[in-house]
């Protein structure tokens, strides 16, 4: 018997995953990184499993705090986390990253982009001195492009 996250199961455990060469060493190196992100940056992005925020945005471990939720929505909990990061970890910038074909926005890119603008307006209204950048990740091109703030 094994314990599953939500109760007991009689399913056999999954086979051991072989670690790529160097992965364990990289994980140990993380223990020596400071709590404060090196770039004083937070990234809010969607929880879509196709996104790898650090890799897709050219960041490294320790560069940024990463927050994920459905649709990259600036919710109360995201606001609370960013306020904590600003007050305690020196974070002074956020990138909000939406993406193409987002299930949280019905797969409609224009709705995902509108959510970016809504999130930016909210953050700038509650986090003084904070900088917010908007990005849209397109799976077809495999790249993130800046989204201009509204007028």
N, C-alpha and C. Protein backbone atom coordinates (compact mmCIF):
# COMPACT_ATOMS: atom_id res chain seq x y z
N UNK A 1 0.83 -1.18 0.00
CA UNK A 1 0.00 0.00 0.00
C UNK A 1 0.88 1.25 0.00
N UNK A 2 0.35 2.29 -0.60
CA UNK A 2 1.06 3.56 -0.59
C UNK A 2 0.07 4.66 -0.24
N UNK A 3 0.58 5.81 0.07
CA UNK A 3 -0.27 6.94 0.40
C UNK A 3 -0.30 7.89 -0.78
N UNK A 4 -1.49 8.18 -1.26
CA UNK A 4 -1.68 9.14 -2.34
C UNK A 4 -1.91 10.51 -1.70
N UNK A 5 -1.82 11.58 -2.47
CA UNK A 5 -2.01 12.91 -1.88
C UNK A 5 -3.36 13.07 -1.18
N UNK A 6 -4.40 12.36 -1.62
CA UNK A 6 -5.73 12.54 -1.05
C UNK A 6 -6.28 11.25 -0.47
N UNK A 7 -5.43 10.39 0.05
CA UNK A 7 -5.89 9.18 0.71
C UNK A 7 -5.06 7.97 0.31
N UNK A 8 -5.40 6.84 0.91
CA UNK A 8 -4.66 5.61 0.66
C UNK A 8 -5.02 5.03 -0.70
N UNK A 9 -4.07 4.35 -1.29
CA UNK A 9 -4.31 3.69 -2.56
C UNK A 9 -3.56 2.35 -2.55
N UNK A 10 -4.07 1.42 -3.32
CA UNK A 10 -3.37 0.15 -3.47
C UNK A 10 -2.59 0.10 -4.77
N UNK A 11 -2.60 1.23 -5.48
CA UNK A 11 -1.86 1.30 -6.74
C UNK A 11 -0.37 1.21 -6.45
N UNK A 12 0.37 0.52 -7.31
CA UNK A 12 1.82 0.49 -7.10
C UNK A 12 2.41 1.87 -7.34
N UNK A 13 3.49 2.19 -6.65
CA UNK A 13 4.11 3.50 -6.86
C UNK A 13 4.66 3.59 -8.28
N UNK A 14 4.74 4.82 -8.83
CA UNK A 14 5.30 4.97 -10.18
C UNK A 14 6.77 4.59 -10.18
N UNK A 15 7.30 4.17 -11.33
CA UNK A 15 8.72 3.82 -11.38
C UNK A 15 9.58 5.04 -11.07
N UNK A 16 10.75 4.78 -10.52
CA UNK A 16 11.68 5.87 -10.21
C UNK A 16 12.03 6.61 -11.49
N UNK A 17 12.05 7.92 -11.40
CA UNK A 17 12.42 8.74 -12.54
C UNK A 17 13.92 8.94 -12.52
N UNK A 18 14.54 8.64 -13.63
CA UNK A 18 15.99 8.86 -13.73
C UNK A 18 16.24 10.35 -13.82
N UNK A 19 17.15 10.84 -13.02
CA UNK A 19 17.48 12.26 -13.05
C UNK A 19 18.49 12.53 -14.16
N UNK A 20 18.22 13.55 -14.97
CA UNK A 20 19.22 13.92 -15.97
C UNK A 20 20.52 14.30 -15.28
N UNK A 21 21.59 14.09 -15.96
CA UNK A 21 22.91 14.38 -15.42
C UNK A 21 22.97 15.83 -14.94
N UNK A 22 23.39 16.02 -13.72
CA UNK A 22 23.55 17.37 -13.19
C UNK A 22 22.32 17.94 -12.51
N UNK A 23 21.16 17.30 -12.63
CA UNK A 23 19.95 17.87 -12.04
C UNK A 23 20.05 17.93 -10.52
N UNK A 24 20.57 16.88 -9.90
CA UNK A 24 20.70 16.86 -8.44
C UNK A 24 21.67 17.95 -7.98
N UNK A 25 22.76 18.14 -8.70
CA UNK A 25 23.71 19.18 -8.32
C UNK A 25 23.07 20.56 -8.43
N UNK A 26 22.29 20.79 -9.47
CA UNK A 26 21.62 22.08 -9.64
C UNK A 26 20.65 22.32 -8.50
N UNK A 27 19.92 21.30 -8.09
CA UNK A 27 18.98 21.44 -6.98
C UNK A 27 19.73 21.78 -5.69
N UNK A 28 20.86 21.18 -5.46
CA UNK A 28 21.65 21.49 -4.25
C UNK A 28 22.16 22.92 -4.29
N UNK A 29 22.53 23.40 -5.46
CA UNK A 29 23.02 24.76 -5.59
C UNK A 29 21.95 25.77 -5.20
N UNK A 30 20.68 25.42 -5.37
CA UNK A 30 19.59 26.33 -5.03
C UNK A 30 19.60 26.66 -3.54
N UNK A 31 20.11 25.75 -2.73
CA UNK A 31 20.17 25.99 -1.29
C UNK A 31 21.05 27.18 -0.95
N UNK A 32 21.94 27.55 -1.84
CA UNK A 32 22.88 28.65 -1.60
C UNK A 32 22.42 29.96 -2.22
N UNK A 33 21.30 29.95 -2.89
CA UNK A 33 20.77 31.19 -3.46
C UNK A 33 20.10 32.00 -2.37
N UNK A 34 20.14 33.33 -2.47
CA UNK A 34 19.43 34.15 -1.49
C UNK A 34 17.92 34.04 -1.66
N UNK A 35 17.18 34.34 -0.62
CA UNK A 35 15.71 34.33 -0.72
C UNK A 35 15.22 35.38 -1.70
N UNK A 36 15.89 36.51 -1.72
CA UNK A 36 15.48 37.60 -2.59
C UNK A 36 15.81 37.26 -4.04
N UNK A 37 14.86 37.45 -4.95
CA UNK A 37 15.15 37.16 -6.35
C UNK A 37 16.20 38.13 -6.90
N UNK A 38 17.15 37.60 -7.62
CA UNK A 38 18.27 38.38 -8.13
C UNK A 38 17.84 39.58 -8.97
N UNK A 39 16.76 39.42 -9.73
CA UNK A 39 16.31 40.51 -10.60
C UNK A 39 15.22 41.36 -9.96
N UNK A 40 14.93 41.11 -8.68
CA UNK A 40 13.87 41.85 -7.97
C UNK A 40 12.56 41.79 -8.76
N UNK A 41 12.28 40.62 -9.30
CA UNK A 41 11.19 40.41 -10.26
C UNK A 41 10.25 39.33 -9.77
N UNK A 42 8.96 39.51 -10.06
CA UNK A 42 7.96 38.47 -9.87
C UNK A 42 7.32 38.22 -11.23
N UNK A 43 7.06 36.98 -11.53
CA UNK A 43 6.39 36.60 -12.78
C UNK A 43 5.07 35.95 -12.41
N UNK A 44 3.99 36.51 -12.91
CA UNK A 44 2.67 35.89 -12.78
C UNK A 44 2.29 35.33 -14.13
N UNK A 45 2.05 34.05 -14.17
CA UNK A 45 1.67 33.42 -15.42
C UNK A 45 0.59 32.37 -15.16
N UNK A 46 0.07 31.85 -16.24
CA UNK A 46 -0.98 30.85 -16.17
C UNK A 46 -0.41 29.52 -15.68
N UNK A 47 -1.28 28.70 -15.14
CA UNK A 47 -0.87 27.38 -14.65
C UNK A 47 -0.79 26.34 -15.76
N UNK A 48 -1.03 26.74 -16.99
CA UNK A 48 -0.99 25.82 -18.14
C UNK A 48 0.32 25.05 -18.14
N UNK A 49 0.22 23.74 -18.22
CA UNK A 49 1.42 22.89 -18.13
C UNK A 49 2.36 23.05 -19.33
N UNK A 50 1.89 23.66 -20.39
CA UNK A 50 2.76 23.87 -21.56
C UNK A 50 3.76 24.99 -21.33
N UNK A 51 3.50 25.83 -20.34
CA UNK A 51 4.40 26.95 -20.05
C UNK A 51 5.48 26.53 -19.05
N UNK A 52 6.70 26.94 -19.33
CA UNK A 52 7.82 26.79 -18.41
C UNK A 52 8.35 28.21 -18.22
N UNK A 53 7.85 28.94 -17.21
CA UNK A 53 8.12 30.37 -17.14
C UNK A 53 9.59 30.75 -17.15
N UNK A 54 10.43 30.05 -16.42
CA UNK A 54 11.84 30.43 -16.41
C UNK A 54 12.46 30.23 -17.79
N UNK A 55 12.30 29.06 -18.33
CA UNK A 55 12.89 28.77 -19.64
C UNK A 55 12.29 29.66 -20.73
N UNK A 56 10.95 29.75 -20.76
CA UNK A 56 10.29 30.49 -21.83
C UNK A 56 10.57 31.99 -21.80
N UNK A 57 10.96 32.51 -20.65
CA UNK A 57 11.23 33.94 -20.53
C UNK A 57 12.71 34.26 -20.39
N UNK A 58 13.56 33.26 -20.55
CA UNK A 58 15.00 33.49 -20.50
C UNK A 58 15.52 33.79 -19.10
N UNK A 59 14.87 33.25 -18.09
CA UNK A 59 15.28 33.49 -16.71
C UNK A 59 15.96 32.25 -16.15
N UNK A 60 16.68 32.43 -15.06
CA UNK A 60 17.36 31.32 -14.38
C UNK A 60 16.77 31.17 -12.98
N UNK A 61 17.01 30.01 -12.38
CA UNK A 61 16.59 29.78 -11.00
C UNK A 61 17.18 30.89 -10.14
N UNK A 62 16.35 31.48 -9.30
CA UNK A 62 16.81 32.54 -8.42
C UNK A 62 16.61 33.94 -8.98
N UNK A 63 16.23 34.05 -10.26
CA UNK A 63 16.02 35.37 -10.86
C UNK A 63 14.71 36.02 -10.42
N UNK A 64 13.65 35.21 -10.25
CA UNK A 64 12.32 35.78 -10.06
C UNK A 64 11.46 34.88 -9.18
N UNK A 65 10.51 35.50 -8.48
CA UNK A 65 9.44 34.76 -7.82
C UNK A 65 8.47 34.37 -8.94
N UNK A 66 7.93 33.18 -8.89
CA UNK A 66 6.98 32.74 -9.91
C UNK A 66 5.65 32.41 -9.24
N UNK A 67 4.60 33.05 -9.72
CA UNK A 67 3.24 32.79 -9.24
C UNK A 67 2.43 32.29 -10.43
N UNK A 68 1.63 31.26 -10.21
CA UNK A 68 0.84 30.69 -11.30
C UNK A 68 -0.59 30.48 -10.85
N UNK A 69 -1.52 30.82 -11.73
CA UNK A 69 -2.93 30.50 -11.50
C UNK A 69 -3.64 30.44 -12.85
N UNK A 70 -4.88 30.06 -12.83
CA UNK A 70 -5.64 29.94 -14.07
C UNK A 70 -5.77 31.31 -14.73
N UNK A 71 -5.25 31.45 -15.94
CA UNK A 71 -5.40 32.67 -16.70
C UNK A 71 -4.50 33.82 -16.33
N UNK A 72 -3.51 33.60 -15.47
CA UNK A 72 -2.61 34.69 -15.03
C UNK A 72 -3.42 35.86 -14.49
N UNK A 73 -4.40 35.55 -13.67
CA UNK A 73 -5.33 36.54 -13.12
C UNK A 73 -4.76 37.17 -11.86
N UNK A 74 -4.80 38.49 -11.79
CA UNK A 74 -4.38 39.19 -10.58
C UNK A 74 -5.56 39.13 -9.60
N UNK A 75 -5.53 38.12 -8.77
CA UNK A 75 -6.57 37.87 -7.78
C UNK A 75 -6.11 38.41 -6.42
N UNK A 76 -6.98 38.28 -5.42
CA UNK A 76 -6.62 38.75 -4.08
C UNK A 76 -5.37 38.06 -3.56
N UNK A 77 -5.25 36.74 -3.79
CA UNK A 77 -4.07 36.03 -3.28
C UNK A 77 -2.81 36.44 -4.02
N UNK A 78 -2.90 36.73 -5.30
CA UNK A 78 -1.73 37.21 -6.06
C UNK A 78 -1.32 38.58 -5.54
N UNK A 79 -2.29 39.45 -5.34
CA UNK A 79 -1.99 40.77 -4.80
C UNK A 79 -1.30 40.66 -3.45
N UNK A 80 -1.81 39.80 -2.56
CA UNK A 80 -1.23 39.60 -1.24
C UNK A 80 0.21 39.08 -1.35
N UNK A 81 0.44 38.13 -2.25
CA UNK A 81 1.78 37.57 -2.43
C UNK A 81 2.75 38.62 -2.96
N UNK A 82 2.29 39.43 -3.90
CA UNK A 82 3.17 40.47 -4.45
C UNK A 82 3.46 41.57 -3.43
N UNK A 83 2.47 41.87 -2.61
CA UNK A 83 2.70 42.86 -1.55
C UNK A 83 3.75 42.33 -0.58
N UNK A 84 3.66 41.05 -0.21
CA UNK A 84 4.65 40.44 0.66
C UNK A 84 6.04 40.48 0.00
N UNK A 85 6.10 40.11 -1.28
CA UNK A 85 7.38 40.10 -1.99
C UNK A 85 7.98 41.50 -2.07
N UNK A 86 7.14 42.51 -2.25
CA UNK A 86 7.63 43.88 -2.30
C UNK A 86 8.15 44.32 -0.93
N UNK A 87 7.37 44.05 0.11
CA UNK A 87 7.72 44.51 1.46
C UNK A 87 8.88 43.73 2.08
N UNK A 88 9.03 42.45 1.75
CA UNK A 88 9.98 41.60 2.46
C UNK A 88 11.13 41.06 1.61
N UNK A 89 10.98 41.06 0.30
CA UNK A 89 11.99 40.43 -0.55
C UNK A 89 12.55 41.36 -1.61
N UNK A 90 12.19 42.63 -1.55
CA UNK A 90 12.76 43.61 -2.46
C UNK A 90 12.24 43.56 -3.89
N UNK A 91 11.15 42.86 -4.13
CA UNK A 91 10.59 42.78 -5.48
C UNK A 91 9.96 44.12 -5.83
N UNK A 92 10.32 44.65 -6.99
CA UNK A 92 9.77 45.94 -7.40
C UNK A 92 9.23 45.93 -8.83
N UNK A 93 9.18 44.74 -9.42
CA UNK A 93 8.67 44.63 -10.79
C UNK A 93 7.93 43.30 -10.94
N UNK A 94 6.87 43.35 -11.76
CA UNK A 94 6.14 42.12 -12.08
C UNK A 94 5.96 42.03 -13.59
N UNK A 95 6.10 40.83 -14.10
CA UNK A 95 5.73 40.52 -15.47
C UNK A 95 4.47 39.68 -15.38
N UNK A 96 3.43 40.12 -16.05
CA UNK A 96 2.21 39.32 -16.13
C UNK A 96 2.21 38.70 -17.52
N UNK A 97 2.13 37.37 -17.57
CA UNK A 97 2.30 36.65 -18.83
C UNK A 97 1.05 35.83 -19.13
N UNK A 98 0.33 36.24 -20.17
CA UNK A 98 -0.80 35.46 -20.69
C UNK A 98 -0.27 34.64 -21.86
N UNK A 99 -1.13 33.78 -22.39
CA UNK A 99 -0.67 32.95 -23.52
C UNK A 99 -1.81 32.63 -24.47
N UNK A 100 -1.44 32.20 -25.65
CA UNK A 100 -2.42 31.80 -26.67
C UNK A 100 -3.15 30.54 -26.24
N UNK A 101 -4.34 30.37 -26.75
CA UNK A 101 -5.13 29.16 -26.52
C UNK A 101 -5.31 28.86 -25.04
N UNK A 102 -5.60 29.89 -24.24
CA UNK A 102 -5.74 29.72 -22.79
C UNK A 102 -7.14 29.22 -22.45
N UNK A 103 -7.22 28.07 -21.82
CA UNK A 103 -8.52 27.49 -21.45
C UNK A 103 -9.27 28.40 -20.47
N UNK A 104 -8.55 29.09 -19.60
CA UNK A 104 -9.19 29.96 -18.61
C UNK A 104 -9.93 31.13 -19.27
N UNK A 105 -9.56 31.45 -20.50
CA UNK A 105 -10.19 32.55 -21.23
C UNK A 105 -10.91 32.04 -22.47
N UNK A 106 -11.31 30.78 -22.43
CA UNK A 106 -12.08 30.19 -23.53
C UNK A 106 -11.29 30.04 -24.82
N UNK A 107 -9.97 30.10 -24.74
CA UNK A 107 -9.13 29.98 -25.93
C UNK A 107 -9.12 31.24 -26.78
N UNK A 108 -9.69 32.33 -26.26
CA UNK A 108 -9.78 33.59 -27.02
C UNK A 108 -8.64 34.50 -26.59
N UNK A 109 -7.70 34.71 -27.48
CA UNK A 109 -6.50 35.49 -27.15
C UNK A 109 -6.81 36.92 -26.73
N UNK A 110 -7.81 37.55 -27.37
CA UNK A 110 -8.13 38.94 -27.02
C UNK A 110 -8.66 39.05 -25.59
N UNK A 111 -9.34 38.03 -25.10
CA UNK A 111 -9.81 38.04 -23.71
C UNK A 111 -8.62 37.89 -22.77
N UNK A 112 -7.65 37.03 -23.12
CA UNK A 112 -6.45 36.86 -22.30
C UNK A 112 -5.67 38.17 -22.23
N UNK A 113 -5.59 38.88 -23.33
CA UNK A 113 -4.87 40.16 -23.35
C UNK A 113 -5.63 41.21 -22.54
N UNK A 114 -6.95 41.21 -22.61
CA UNK A 114 -7.74 42.14 -21.79
C UNK A 114 -7.51 41.89 -20.30
N UNK A 115 -7.34 40.61 -19.92
CA UNK A 115 -7.05 40.27 -18.53
C UNK A 115 -5.69 40.81 -18.10
N UNK A 116 -4.73 40.82 -19.03
CA UNK A 116 -3.43 41.43 -18.73
C UNK A 116 -3.59 42.89 -18.34
N UNK A 117 -4.37 43.62 -19.14
CA UNK A 117 -4.58 45.04 -18.87
C UNK A 117 -5.29 45.26 -17.54
N UNK A 118 -6.29 44.43 -17.25
CA UNK A 118 -7.01 44.54 -15.98
C UNK A 118 -6.05 44.31 -14.81
N UNK A 119 -5.20 43.30 -14.94
CA UNK A 119 -4.24 42.99 -13.89
C UNK A 119 -3.25 44.10 -13.66
N UNK A 120 -2.78 44.70 -14.74
CA UNK A 120 -1.82 45.80 -14.62
C UNK A 120 -2.47 46.98 -13.88
N UNK A 121 -3.68 47.32 -14.27
CA UNK A 121 -4.37 48.43 -13.62
C UNK A 121 -4.52 48.18 -12.13
N UNK A 122 -4.89 46.96 -11.77
CA UNK A 122 -5.06 46.61 -10.35
C UNK A 122 -3.74 46.74 -9.59
N UNK A 123 -2.67 46.16 -10.13
CA UNK A 123 -1.39 46.19 -9.42
C UNK A 123 -0.85 47.61 -9.26
N UNK A 124 -0.94 48.39 -10.31
CA UNK A 124 -0.43 49.76 -10.22
C UNK A 124 -1.23 50.59 -9.22
N UNK A 125 -2.49 50.21 -9.00
CA UNK A 125 -3.32 50.93 -8.04
C UNK A 125 -3.05 50.56 -6.59
N UNK A 126 -2.46 49.40 -6.34
CA UNK A 126 -2.29 48.96 -4.95
C UNK A 126 -0.84 48.79 -4.51
N UNK A 127 0.10 48.80 -5.45
CA UNK A 127 1.51 48.61 -5.10
C UNK A 127 2.32 49.83 -5.56
N UNK A 128 2.45 50.83 -4.70
CA UNK A 128 3.18 52.03 -5.09
C UNK A 128 4.63 51.72 -5.42
N UNK A 129 5.13 52.36 -6.46
CA UNK A 129 6.51 52.18 -6.86
C UNK A 129 6.78 50.90 -7.62
N UNK A 130 5.75 50.15 -7.93
CA UNK A 130 5.89 48.88 -8.63
C UNK A 130 5.87 49.12 -10.13
N UNK A 131 6.66 48.37 -10.86
CA UNK A 131 6.67 48.40 -12.32
C UNK A 131 6.01 47.13 -12.83
N UNK A 132 5.17 47.25 -13.84
CA UNK A 132 4.47 46.08 -14.39
C UNK A 132 4.69 46.02 -15.90
N UNK A 133 5.12 44.87 -16.37
CA UNK A 133 5.28 44.62 -17.80
C UNK A 133 4.29 43.53 -18.21
N UNK A 134 3.70 43.68 -19.38
CA UNK A 134 2.75 42.70 -19.89
C UNK A 134 3.39 41.94 -21.05
N UNK A 135 3.23 40.62 -21.02
CA UNK A 135 3.77 39.76 -22.08
C UNK A 135 2.71 38.77 -22.53
N UNK A 136 2.76 38.42 -23.81
CA UNK A 136 1.86 37.41 -24.36
C UNK A 136 2.71 36.34 -25.02
N UNK A 137 2.59 35.12 -24.49
CA UNK A 137 3.36 34.00 -25.02
C UNK A 137 2.52 33.28 -26.07
N UNK A 138 3.06 33.17 -27.27
CA UNK A 138 2.38 32.52 -28.38
C UNK A 138 2.98 31.14 -28.60
N UNK A 139 2.19 30.10 -28.39
CA UNK A 139 2.70 28.75 -28.56
C UNK A 139 3.10 28.46 -30.01
N UNK A 140 2.44 29.11 -30.96
CA UNK A 140 2.76 28.87 -32.37
C UNK A 140 4.18 29.32 -32.72
N UNK A 141 4.61 30.43 -32.12
CA UNK A 141 5.95 30.95 -32.41
C UNK A 141 6.96 30.55 -31.34
N UNK A 142 6.47 30.14 -30.18
CA UNK A 142 7.37 29.78 -29.09
C UNK A 142 8.08 30.98 -28.49
N UNK A 143 7.41 32.14 -28.52
CA UNK A 143 8.06 33.33 -27.98
C UNK A 143 7.05 34.24 -27.28
N UNK A 144 7.57 35.08 -26.39
CA UNK A 144 6.78 36.04 -25.67
C UNK A 144 7.02 37.42 -26.26
N UNK A 145 5.94 38.15 -26.47
CA UNK A 145 6.04 39.50 -27.02
C UNK A 145 5.42 40.49 -26.04
N UNK A 146 6.00 41.69 -25.95
CA UNK A 146 5.42 42.69 -25.06
C UNK A 146 4.02 43.09 -25.53
N UNK A 147 3.18 43.40 -24.57
CA UNK A 147 1.84 43.94 -24.85
C UNK A 147 1.84 45.36 -24.34
N UNK A 148 1.47 46.27 -25.21
CA UNK A 148 1.46 47.69 -24.82
C UNK A 148 0.33 47.97 -23.85
N UNK A 149 0.61 48.76 -22.81
CA UNK A 149 -0.46 49.14 -21.89
C UNK A 149 -1.47 50.02 -22.62
N UNK A 150 -2.68 50.02 -22.12
CA UNK A 150 -3.72 50.89 -22.71
C UNK A 150 -3.42 52.33 -22.35
N UNK A 151 -3.74 53.20 -23.31
CA UNK A 151 -3.58 54.62 -23.26
C UNK A 151 -3.46 55.26 -21.99
